[in-house]
Amino acid sequence: MEKSFDLVALISTENPGGVETILSELLGKNGVLKTENGFIVKTVVHGETAQQLNLGLISKLRVVDHHASLRSEWTYKNQTESFVDYIRSNQSA
């Protein structure tokens, strides 16, 4: 069953042009703010699980920047899963 997750993420990158292209393709331009060191993302993403969505996002970011860093929170029905790159950092209800 596909779910709608609220995504809040901080992306650090050495290749902002490449990362911006990936974010635009995956998430569109709404909710993506360019910063000095990368991007802040606040948007809704549809998928099966937070872990799958996070894995897909960091994997695509690492194609254009092997050193890209992703700190993300995925929320569905008041349950938030947090990740640092590929690793789940906590889960709250």
C-alpha atoms as a PDB file:
ATOM      1  CA  MET A   1       0.000   0.000   0.000  1.00  0.00           C
ATOM      2  CA  GLU A   2       1.428   3.356  -1.017  1.00  0.00           C
ATOM      3  CA  LYS A   3       1.589   5.942   1.766  1.00  0.00           C
ATOM      4  CA  SER A   4       2.151   9.702   1.828  1.00  0.00           C
ATOM      5  CA  PHE A   5       5.177  10.642   3.948  1.00  0.00           C
ATOM      6  CA  ASP A   6       6.055  14.140   5.080  1.00  0.00           C
ATOM      7  CA  LEU A   7       9.769  14.501   4.384  1.00  0.00           C
ATOM      8  CA  VAL A   8      12.046  16.979   6.133  1.00  0.00           C
ATOM      9  CA  ALA A   9      15.675  16.623   5.071  1.00  0.00           C
ATOM     10  CA  LEU A  10      19.032  18.339   5.177  1.00  0.00           C
ATOM     11  CA  ILE A  11      21.353  17.450   2.312  1.00  0.00           C
ATOM     12  CA  SER A  12      25.038  18.400   2.310  1.00  0.00           C
ATOM     13  CA  THR A  13      26.858  18.189  -1.009  1.00  0.00           C
ATOM     14  CA  GLU A  14      29.973  19.170  -2.912  1.00  0.00           C
ATOM     15  CA  ASN A  15      28.018  19.001  -6.198  1.00  0.00           C
ATOM     16  CA  PRO A  16      24.958  21.234  -5.790  1.00  0.00           C
ATOM     17  CA  GLY A  17      24.185  21.280  -9.513  1.00  0.00           C
ATOM     18  CA  GLY A  18      24.033  17.502  -9.765  1.00  0.00           C
ATOM     19  CA  VAL A  19      22.066  17.128  -6.541  1.00  0.00           C
ATOM     20  CA  GLU A  20      19.628  19.841  -7.588  1.00  0.00           C
ATOM     21  CA  THR A  21      18.955  17.934 -10.816  1.00  0.00           C
ATOM     22  CA  ILE A  22      18.275  14.703  -8.886  1.00  0.00           C
ATOM     23  CA  LEU A  23      15.987  16.483  -6.392  1.00  0.00           C
ATOM     24  CA  SER A  24      14.078  18.157  -9.201  1.00  0.00           C
ATOM     25  CA  GLU A  25      13.570  14.813 -10.980  1.00  0.00           C
ATOM     26  CA  LEU A  26      12.504  12.958  -7.820  1.00  0.00           C
ATOM     27  CA  LEU A  27      10.667  15.620  -5.820  1.00  0.00           C
ATOM     28  CA  GLY A  28       9.957  18.543  -8.118  1.00  0.00           C
ATOM     29  CA  LYS A  29      10.989  22.074  -7.196  1.00  0.00           C
ATOM     30  CA  ASN A  30       8.403  22.757  -4.496  1.00  0.00           C
ATOM     31  CA  GLY A  31       9.770  22.406  -0.986  1.00  0.00           C
ATOM     32  CA  VAL A  32      13.443  22.377  -2.033  1.00  0.00           C
ATOM     33  CA  LEU A  33      15.537  25.274  -0.712  1.00  0.00           C
ATOM     34  CA  LYS A  34      19.168  25.737  -1.748  1.00  0.00           C
ATOM     35  CA  THR A  35      21.568  26.613   1.088  1.00  0.00           C
ATOM     36  CA  GLU A  36      25.265  27.458   1.287  1.00  0.00           C
ATOM     37  CA  ASN A  37      26.221  23.791   1.855  1.00  0.00           C
ATOM     38  CA  GLY A  38      23.408  21.952   0.102  1.00  0.00           C
ATOM     39  CA  PHE A  39      19.637  21.826   0.397  1.00  0.00           C
ATOM     40  CA  ILE A  40      16.750  21.801   2.844  1.00  0.00           C
ATOM     41  CA  VAL A  41      13.788  19.731   1.708  1.00  0.00           C
ATOM     42  CA  LYS A  42      10.237  19.892   3.073  1.00  0.00           C
ATOM     43  CA  THR A  43       7.776  18.002   0.902  1.00  0.00           C
ATOM     44  CA  VAL A  44       5.447  15.015   0.623  1.00  0.00           C
ATOM     45  CA  VAL A  45       6.750  11.787  -0.909  1.00  0.00           C
ATOM     46  CA  HIS A  46       4.695   8.713  -1.819  1.00  0.00           C
ATOM     47  CA  GLY A  47       5.910   5.170  -1.322  1.00  0.00           C
ATOM     48  CA  GLU A  48       5.729   1.927   0.646  1.00  0.00           C
ATOM     49  CA  THR A  49       8.073   2.562   3.579  1.00  0.00           C
ATOM     50  CA  ALA A  50      10.269   5.340   4.904  1.00  0.00           C
ATOM     51  CA  GLN A  51      13.287   3.050   4.727  1.00  0.00           C
ATOM     52  CA  GLN A  52      12.739   2.278   1.032  1.00  0.00           C
ATOM     53  CA  LEU A  53      12.193   5.935   0.194  1.00  0.00           C
ATOM     54  CA  ASN A  54      15.268   7.012   2.133  1.00  0.00           C
ATOM     55  CA  LEU A  55      17.409   4.329   0.502  1.00  0.00           C
ATOM     56  CA  GLY A  56      16.238   5.397  -2.938  1.00  0.00           C
ATOM     57  CA  LEU A  57      16.969   9.057  -2.245  1.00  0.00           C
ATOM     58  CA  ILE A  58      20.461   8.643  -0.767  1.00  0.00           C
ATOM     59  CA  SER A  59      21.402   6.114  -3.459  1.00  0.00           C
ATOM     60  CA  LYS A  60      20.506   8.558  -6.239  1.00  0.00           C
ATOM     61  CA  LEU A  61      22.271  11.439  -4.455  1.00  0.00           C
ATOM     62  CA  ARG A  62      25.444   9.356  -4.146  1.00  0.00           C
ATOM     63  CA  VAL A  63      25.466   8.754  -7.912  1.00  0.00           C
ATOM     64  CA  VAL A  64      26.212  12.460  -8.480  1.00  0.00           C
ATOM     65  CA  ASP A  65      28.167  13.086  -5.247  1.00  0.00           C
ATOM     66  CA  HIS A  66      29.832  10.170  -3.444  1.00  0.00           C
ATOM     67  CA  HIS A  67      30.231  12.370  -0.356  1.00  0.00           C
ATOM     68  CA  ALA A  68      26.643  13.656  -0.198  1.00  0.00           C
ATOM     69  CA  SER A  69      25.090  13.461   3.267  1.00  0.00           C
ATOM     70  CA  LEU A  70      21.372  13.035   3.975  1.00  0.00           C
ATOM     71  CA  ARG A  71      19.734  13.658   7.340  1.00  0.00           C
ATOM     72  CA  SER A  72      16.047  12.946   6.983  1.00  0.00           C
ATOM     73  CA  GLU A  73      12.798  12.529   8.875  1.00  0.00           C
ATOM     74  CA  TRP A  74       9.901  10.693   7.268  1.00  0.00           C
ATOM     75  CA  THR A  75       6.516  11.058   8.978  1.00  0.00           C
ATOM     76  CA  TYR A  76       3.368   9.024   8.345  1.00  0.00           C
ATOM     77  CA  LYS A  77       0.343   9.224  10.650  1.00  0.00           C
ATOM     78  CA  ASN A  78       2.314  10.885  13.492  1.00  0.00           C
ATOM     79  CA  GLN A  79       5.058   8.236  13.389  1.00  0.00           C
ATOM     80  CA  THR A  80       8.477   9.591  12.433  1.00  0.00           C
ATOM     81  CA  GLU A  81      11.479   7.613  11.257  1.00  0.00           C
ATOM     82  CA  SER A  82      14.823   9.426  11.176  1.00  0.00           C
ATOM     83  CA  PHE A  83      17.854   8.487   9.106  1.00  0.00           C
ATOM     84  CA  VAL A  84      21.440   9.626   8.711  1.00  0.00           C
ATOM     85  CA  ASP A  85      22.451   8.580   5.219  1.00  0.00           C
ATOM     86  CA  TYR A  86      21.492   4.868   5.018  1.00  0.00           C
ATOM     87  CA  ILE A  87      21.165   4.271   8.773  1.00  0.00           C
ATOM     88  CA  ARG A  88      17.977   4.614  10.812  1.00  0.00           C
ATOM     89  CA  SER A  89      18.812   6.867  13.739  1.00  0.00           C
ATOM     90  CA  ASN A  90      15.558   6.624  15.701  1.00  0.00           C
ATOM     91  CA  GLN A  91      11.871   5.961  15.506  1.00  0.00           C
ATOM     92  CA  SER A  92       9.185   7.814  17.423  1.00  0.00           C
ATOM     93  CA  ALA A  93       5.457   7.441  17.752  1.00  0.00           C
END
